[in-house]
Every structure is written in structure tokens, then in C-alpha cells.
Protein backbone atom coordinates (compact mmCIF):
# COMPACT_ATOMS: atom_id res chain seq x y z
CA UNK A 1 -24.28 12.24 -29.57
CA UNK A 2 -23.76 12.39 -25.80
CA UNK A 3 -24.19 9.75 -23.14
CA UNK A 4 -27.62 8.30 -22.42
CA UNK A 5 -28.73 8.22 -18.80
CA UNK A 6 -28.24 4.89 -17.01
CA UNK A 7 -28.88 4.05 -13.36
CA UNK A 8 -27.11 0.68 -13.27
CA UNK A 9 -24.52 0.24 -15.97
CA UNK A 10 -20.86 -0.09 -16.80
CA UNK A 11 -18.62 2.32 -18.62
CA UNK A 12 -16.08 0.68 -20.92
CA UNK A 13 -13.04 2.18 -22.62
CA UNK A 14 -12.24 0.97 -26.13
CA UNK A 15 -8.96 1.29 -28.01
CA UNK A 16 -9.72 1.16 -31.73
CA UNK A 17 -7.80 0.88 -34.98
CA UNK A 18 -9.40 1.44 -38.37
CA UNK A 19 -8.67 1.95 -42.03
CA UNK A 20 -10.82 4.99 -42.80
CA UNK A 21 -10.73 4.62 -46.58
CA UNK A 22 -14.26 3.27 -46.97
CA UNK A 23 -15.92 5.24 -44.16
CA UNK A 24 -17.65 8.63 -44.23
CA UNK A 25 -15.72 9.38 -41.04
CA UNK A 26 -15.97 8.48 -37.37
CA UNK A 27 -19.34 10.06 -36.65
CA UNK A 28 -22.77 8.89 -37.74
CA UNK A 29 -24.01 11.33 -40.38
CA UNK A 30 -27.72 10.84 -41.12
CA UNK A 31 -27.54 13.35 -43.98
CA UNK A 32 -24.64 11.53 -45.66
CA UNK A 33 -24.93 8.04 -47.11
CA UNK A 34 -22.22 5.55 -46.23
CA UNK A 35 -20.64 3.71 -43.33
CA UNK A 36 -19.39 5.49 -40.22
CA UNK A 37 -16.96 3.93 -37.75
CA UNK A 38 -19.15 4.92 -34.81
CA UNK A 39 -22.29 3.46 -36.37
CA UNK A 40 -20.57 0.22 -37.33
CA UNK A 41 -19.31 -0.36 -33.77
CA UNK A 42 -22.72 0.54 -32.30
CA UNK A 43 -24.38 -1.98 -34.61
CA UNK A 44 -21.91 -4.63 -33.46
CA UNK A 45 -22.69 -3.88 -29.80
CA UNK A 46 -26.40 -4.21 -30.43
CA UNK A 47 -25.90 -7.49 -32.28
CA UNK A 48 -24.35 -9.28 -29.30
CA UNK A 49 -26.01 -7.44 -26.38
CA UNK A 50 -29.46 -6.97 -27.87
CA UNK A 51 -29.67 -3.35 -26.74
CA UNK A 52 -28.66 0.05 -28.09
CA UNK A 53 -25.48 1.72 -26.86
CA UNK A 54 -23.84 4.99 -27.89
CA UNK A 55 -20.10 4.79 -28.60
CA UNK A 56 -18.53 8.18 -27.81
CA UNK A 57 -15.18 8.83 -29.51
CA UNK A 58 -12.28 11.05 -28.45
CA UNK A 59 -12.92 13.14 -31.54
CA UNK A 60 -14.19 13.01 -35.07
CA UNK A 61 -12.02 11.85 -37.92
CA UNK A 62 -13.05 12.88 -41.43
CA UNK A 63 -13.87 10.66 -44.36
CA UNK A 64 -10.79 8.69 -45.38
CA UNK A 65 -8.80 9.43 -42.21
CA UNK A 66 -7.35 6.46 -40.33
CA UNK A 67 -6.67 5.64 -36.68
CA UNK A 68 -4.20 3.44 -34.87
CA UNK A 69 -5.20 4.73 -31.45
CA UNK A 70 -8.75 6.07 -31.44
CA UNK A 71 -10.33 5.89 -27.98
CA UNK A 72 -14.03 5.65 -27.22
CA UNK A 73 -16.24 4.91 -24.26
CA UNK A 74 -19.55 3.12 -24.16
CA UNK A 75 -22.14 2.69 -21.40
CA UNK A 76 -23.65 -0.78 -21.42
CA UNK A 77 -25.71 -3.07 -19.19
CA UNK A 78 -24.06 -6.27 -20.42
CA UNK A 79 -22.42 -8.41 -17.70
CA UNK A 80 -19.98 -10.04 -20.12
CA UNK A 81 -16.29 -9.77 -19.20
CA UNK A 82 -14.06 -7.32 -21.04
CA UNK A 83 -12.34 -10.25 -22.72
CA UNK A 84 -15.67 -11.67 -23.96
CA UNK A 85 -16.71 -8.25 -25.24
CA UNK A 86 -13.32 -7.91 -26.99
CA UNK A 87 -13.82 -11.29 -28.68
CA UNK A 88 -17.45 -10.59 -29.59
CA UNK A 89 -16.75 -7.21 -31.16
CA UNK A 90 -13.80 -8.45 -33.21
CA UNK A 91 -15.84 -11.45 -34.31
CA UNK A 92 -18.61 -9.22 -35.65
CA UNK A 93 -16.82 -6.12 -36.96
CA UNK A 94 -15.59 -5.90 -40.57
CA UNK A 95 -11.88 -6.29 -41.20
CA UNK A 96 -11.27 -2.54 -41.57
CA UNK A 97 -12.04 -2.00 -37.85
CA UNK A 98 -10.15 -3.72 -35.04
CA UNK A 99 -10.79 -3.39 -31.30
CA UNK A 100 -7.34 -3.48 -29.71
CA UNK A 101 -8.42 -3.32 -26.08
CA UNK A 102 -11.54 -3.28 -23.90
CA UNK A 103 -11.22 -2.18 -20.28
CA UNK A 104 -13.38 -0.99 -17.41
CA UNK A 105 -13.47 2.79 -17.01
CA UNK A 106 -14.32 5.02 -14.10
CA UNK A 107 -17.77 6.64 -14.23
CA UNK A 108 -16.08 10.04 -14.66
CA UNK A 109 -14.11 8.98 -17.74
CA UNK A 110 -15.15 10.64 -20.99
CA UNK A 111 -13.34 9.70 -24.19
CA UNK A 112 -13.51 13.26 -25.50
CA UNK A 113 -13.50 15.55 -22.48
CA UNK A 114 -10.95 13.62 -20.39
CA UNK A 115 -8.34 13.73 -23.16
CA UNK A 116 -5.42 16.11 -22.63
CA UNK A 117 -3.53 15.51 -25.88
CA UNK A 118 -4.12 14.03 -29.32
CA UNK A 119 -1.31 12.83 -31.59
CA UNK A 120 -1.48 12.60 -35.38
CA UNK A 121 0.87 11.62 -38.17
CA UNK A 122 0.76 12.34 -41.89
CA UNK A 123 2.81 10.13 -44.21
CA UNK A 124 4.12 11.05 -47.64
CA UNK A 125 5.62 8.45 -49.95
CA UNK A 126 8.25 9.68 -52.39
CA UNK A 127 7.90 6.59 -54.59
CA UNK A 128 4.82 4.78 -55.92
CA UNK A 129 3.49 2.34 -53.30
CA UNK A 130 1.14 -0.61 -53.43
CA UNK A 131 0.87 -1.94 -49.86
CA UNK A 132 0.86 1.55 -48.31
CA UNK A 133 -1.28 3.22 -50.94
CA UNK A 134 -4.23 3.58 -48.52
CA UNK A 135 -2.21 5.18 -45.70
CA UNK A 136 0.38 7.34 -47.51
CA UNK A 137 0.13 10.17 -50.02
CA UNK A 138 2.34 9.60 -53.05
CA UNK A 139 4.09 12.85 -54.01
CA UNK A 140 5.70 12.55 -57.41
CA UNK A 141 7.43 15.94 -57.49
CA UNK A 142 10.56 17.10 -55.62
CA UNK A 143 9.97 18.65 -52.20
CA UNK A 144 12.52 20.12 -49.82
CA UNK A 145 12.48 18.18 -46.54
CA UNK A 146 14.71 20.64 -44.66
CA UNK A 147 12.55 23.63 -45.53
CA UNK A 148 9.40 21.77 -44.49
CA UNK A 149 10.96 20.75 -41.18
CA UNK A 150 12.05 24.34 -40.59
CA UNK A 151 8.39 25.40 -40.72
CA UNK A 152 7.59 23.28 -37.67
CA UNK A 153 9.20 25.74 -35.26
CA UNK A 154 6.43 28.22 -36.13
CA UNK A 155 3.70 25.68 -35.35
CA UNK A 156 4.81 24.70 -31.83
CA UNK A 157 3.20 26.69 -29.01
CA UNK A 158 -0.21 28.25 -28.48
CA UNK A 159 -1.56 29.90 -31.63
CA UNK A 160 -4.79 30.92 -33.31
CA UNK A 161 -5.09 28.37 -36.13
CA UNK A 162 -8.16 29.83 -37.87
CA UNK A 163 -6.20 30.12 -41.15
CA UNK A 164 -5.77 26.33 -41.08
CA UNK A 165 -9.36 25.22 -40.59
CA UNK A 166 -12.34 24.96 -42.87
CA UNK A 167 -14.41 28.10 -43.22
CA UNK A 168 -17.64 27.93 -41.29
CA UNK A 169 -16.25 25.65 -38.58
CA UNK A 170 -18.47 26.00 -35.52
CA UNK A 171 -16.06 26.35 -32.59
CA UNK A 172 -15.86 28.68 -29.61
CA UNK A 173 -12.29 29.65 -30.39
CA UNK A 174 -9.41 28.77 -32.71
CA UNK A 175 -6.56 28.55 -30.20
CA UNK A 176 -4.67 25.26 -29.94
CA UNK A 177 -1.51 24.42 -28.02
CA UNK A 178 0.89 22.33 -30.11
CA UNK A 179 3.51 20.51 -28.02
CA UNK A 180 5.33 18.77 -30.86
CA UNK A 181 5.60 19.29 -34.62
CA UNK A 182 8.33 17.72 -36.72
CA UNK A 183 9.08 15.94 -39.96
CA UNK A 184 10.89 12.61 -39.98
CA UNK A 185 12.62 11.05 -42.97
CA UNK A 186 12.66 7.27 -43.39
CA UNK A 187 14.14 6.09 -46.70
CA UNK A 188 11.35 6.79 -49.21
CA UNK A 189 8.89 8.35 -46.78
CA UNK A 190 8.42 11.68 -45.01
CA UNK A 191 6.33 11.60 -41.84
CA UNK A 192 4.88 14.68 -40.17
CA UNK A 193 4.11 14.24 -36.47
CA UNK A 194 2.05 16.70 -34.47
CA UNK A 195 0.76 16.62 -30.89
CA UNK A 196 -1.71 19.15 -29.46
CA UNK A 197 -4.36 19.59 -26.81
CA UNK A 198 -7.01 19.99 -29.52
CA UNK A 199 -7.30 20.18 -33.30
CA UNK A 200 -9.62 22.16 -35.53
CA UNK A 201 -11.52 20.63 -38.45
CA UNK A 202 -9.01 19.94 -41.23
CA UNK A 203 -6.15 21.56 -39.31
CA UNK A 204 -3.49 18.86 -39.74
CA UNK A 205 -4.25 18.39 -43.42
CA UNK A 206 -4.15 22.15 -44.03
CA UNK A 207 -0.83 22.52 -42.21
CA UNK A 208 0.57 19.56 -44.14
CA UNK A 209 -0.63 20.88 -47.49
CA UNK A 210 0.85 24.31 -46.75
CA UNK A 211 4.21 22.78 -45.86
CA UNK A 212 4.16 20.70 -49.05
CA UNK A 213 3.55 23.92 -51.00
CA UNK A 214 6.48 25.52 -49.17
CA UNK A 215 8.61 22.44 -49.88
CA UNK A 216 7.79 22.79 -53.58
CA UNK A 217 8.83 26.44 -53.56
CA UNK A 218 5.31 27.82 -54.06
CA UNK A 219 5.53 29.82 -50.82
CA UNK A 220 8.42 31.28 -48.80
CA UNK A 221 9.48 29.46 -45.65
CA UNK A 222 7.75 32.04 -43.42
CA UNK A 223 4.30 31.41 -44.96
CA UNK A 224 3.12 29.45 -41.90
CA UNK A 225 4.01 32.42 -39.68
CA UNK A 226 2.22 34.79 -42.04
CA UNK A 227 -0.96 32.69 -42.03
CA UNK A 228 -0.92 32.36 -38.23
CA UNK A 229 -0.60 36.12 -37.86
CA UNK A 230 -3.25 37.03 -40.42
CA UNK A 231 -5.77 34.31 -39.61
CA UNK A 232 -6.70 34.38 -43.30
CA UNK A 233 -7.35 31.03 -44.98
CA UNK A 234 -6.07 32.52 -48.25
CA UNK A 235 -2.59 32.76 -46.73
CA UNK A 236 -2.48 29.00 -46.17
CA UNK A 237 -1.79 26.44 -48.86
CA UNK A 238 -3.87 23.56 -50.15
CA UNK A 239 -5.45 20.95 -47.90
CA UNK A 240 -3.63 17.63 -48.19
CA UNK A 241 -5.81 14.59 -49.02
CA UNK A 242 -7.12 12.44 -46.15
CA UNK A 243 -5.20 9.36 -47.27
CA UNK A 244 -1.99 10.03 -45.29
CA UNK A 245 -3.55 11.13 -42.00
CA UNK A 246 -3.63 8.82 -38.97
CA UNK A 247 -4.81 9.44 -35.41
CA UNK A 248 -1.95 7.72 -33.61
CA UNK A 249 -2.75 8.17 -29.93
CA UNK A 250 -4.97 9.94 -27.41
CA UNK A 251 -3.43 10.78 -24.02
CA UNK A 252 -5.52 11.13 -20.88
CA UNK A 253 -5.11 12.96 -17.60
CA UNK A 254 -4.57 9.76 -15.62
CA UNK A 255 -1.80 8.45 -17.88
């Protein structure tokens, strides 16, 4: 959904955190039953303003994917202060969505089109976990951290990532510029961090799953390079589950 036309209105920027476990994803999906993050926030806006408003996100996150730093904008006619809107939204929203910040935005600001970089993480737990079970993938088999980290050098830069997206994805092109890709080790966890100007549908999960397969010895260390060169989805590994994926931050041109 795009912006509705308004003659006299305000544009607000929202910083949002959510646990995506029980959502069908960010976007409202009329053909799919279940809660969406976008729809839940729009319902909350209508509840305290009495009018409809479209909440436009920086990008879609799939079912089960989380966010610590999703950004959205909304055009509204309410004259409430940003602080009052912040309090109202957090008072209405369920506890798996939190509004971290509400601020005034310039009329030219667009949560999606003004973004210059998006930053994701994917967390693997090497031991069973209870508290983190909704935000980390438990991997019970041995995986080689050093080999997985070595793969990251092939990911950085501008590449055609069609081998790492879902077949049938409707995009104009498959080229993305990755500015950072690395694995971090923290006691019993492995964390993959990736920053890019744009991401294709399922791209981070496919890259992560392929690196896990490489770390298990299912593929040689140059499999990422092979898949990038061929553009063939069959050269990539499995798609990692949504559970470990988090949208950490969205960076804008004025920041």
C-alpha cells in the first residue's frame, strides 16, 4: 500500500520493535489469515484517532521474522504530540510490538524509498535455549565457524543474488550491494551480520542456510561463489528458518 493523498496532514516516523513469531509478516495479506504487524499498528492508530491511516514500512519482513529497528512512516491528521502518540500506541498495541520512538518527519521522507541501507542479523545457538528460543536457531550438529566466516568475503560487494532468492520473486533486477558480511562468535552463539542497500525475498535466510551447509561440510567453501556466478537456485543450500532473523536497523540518507 502507498500513501493516501492528504492536503493538511502530518508525516510521522516510527521506530518499531517486534517479535515476529506470531505474525504472518509485516505486510497486510488479505489472502492469508493471521495478524500482520502493519495491520495491528494501523488498527491501533484508528482506535485512538478515529480515522484510517496507512503505516508504510521500510520493507517487508516474512512470517516469523523479527525486528529491533523497523522504520515506518504514517500520514495522520491528529494534532496530538509525538509523546502522546507514543504513549497511546504503546498503551493499545499487544506486547509483541513496541513503538520505540515517534518523531515528526519531513514531507519528503519515505520509510522505504529514503532508506540507503538495511542491516540484518541471524543468530544460531549451539546449545538448547529457553529464553532465546524465539530469536535464535538451535543447531545441534557441529559446524565450522571459520569456514562459514571465510564465505563472507564472497558476499561483500555488488552481486546478482538471484540464486539466493525465492523463485518467482517479482523484482526488476537481482543486484544488491553488500557493504558488510561477517560471522561473530559469542560463547554459545554464532551471529551473522549483513548490511546492504537492498535485500531480495528470502536472501538472508538463503545465504545463512547455504553457509550452514558449508559449515557442516555438505558443500565446498567456494559454493557461495559458484551460486553467485551461476545464478541457479540449485547451487545454493537450504533456506534457514525465520526464527533467527532480525531486522536490526534501517539507515537513511540524512543520517
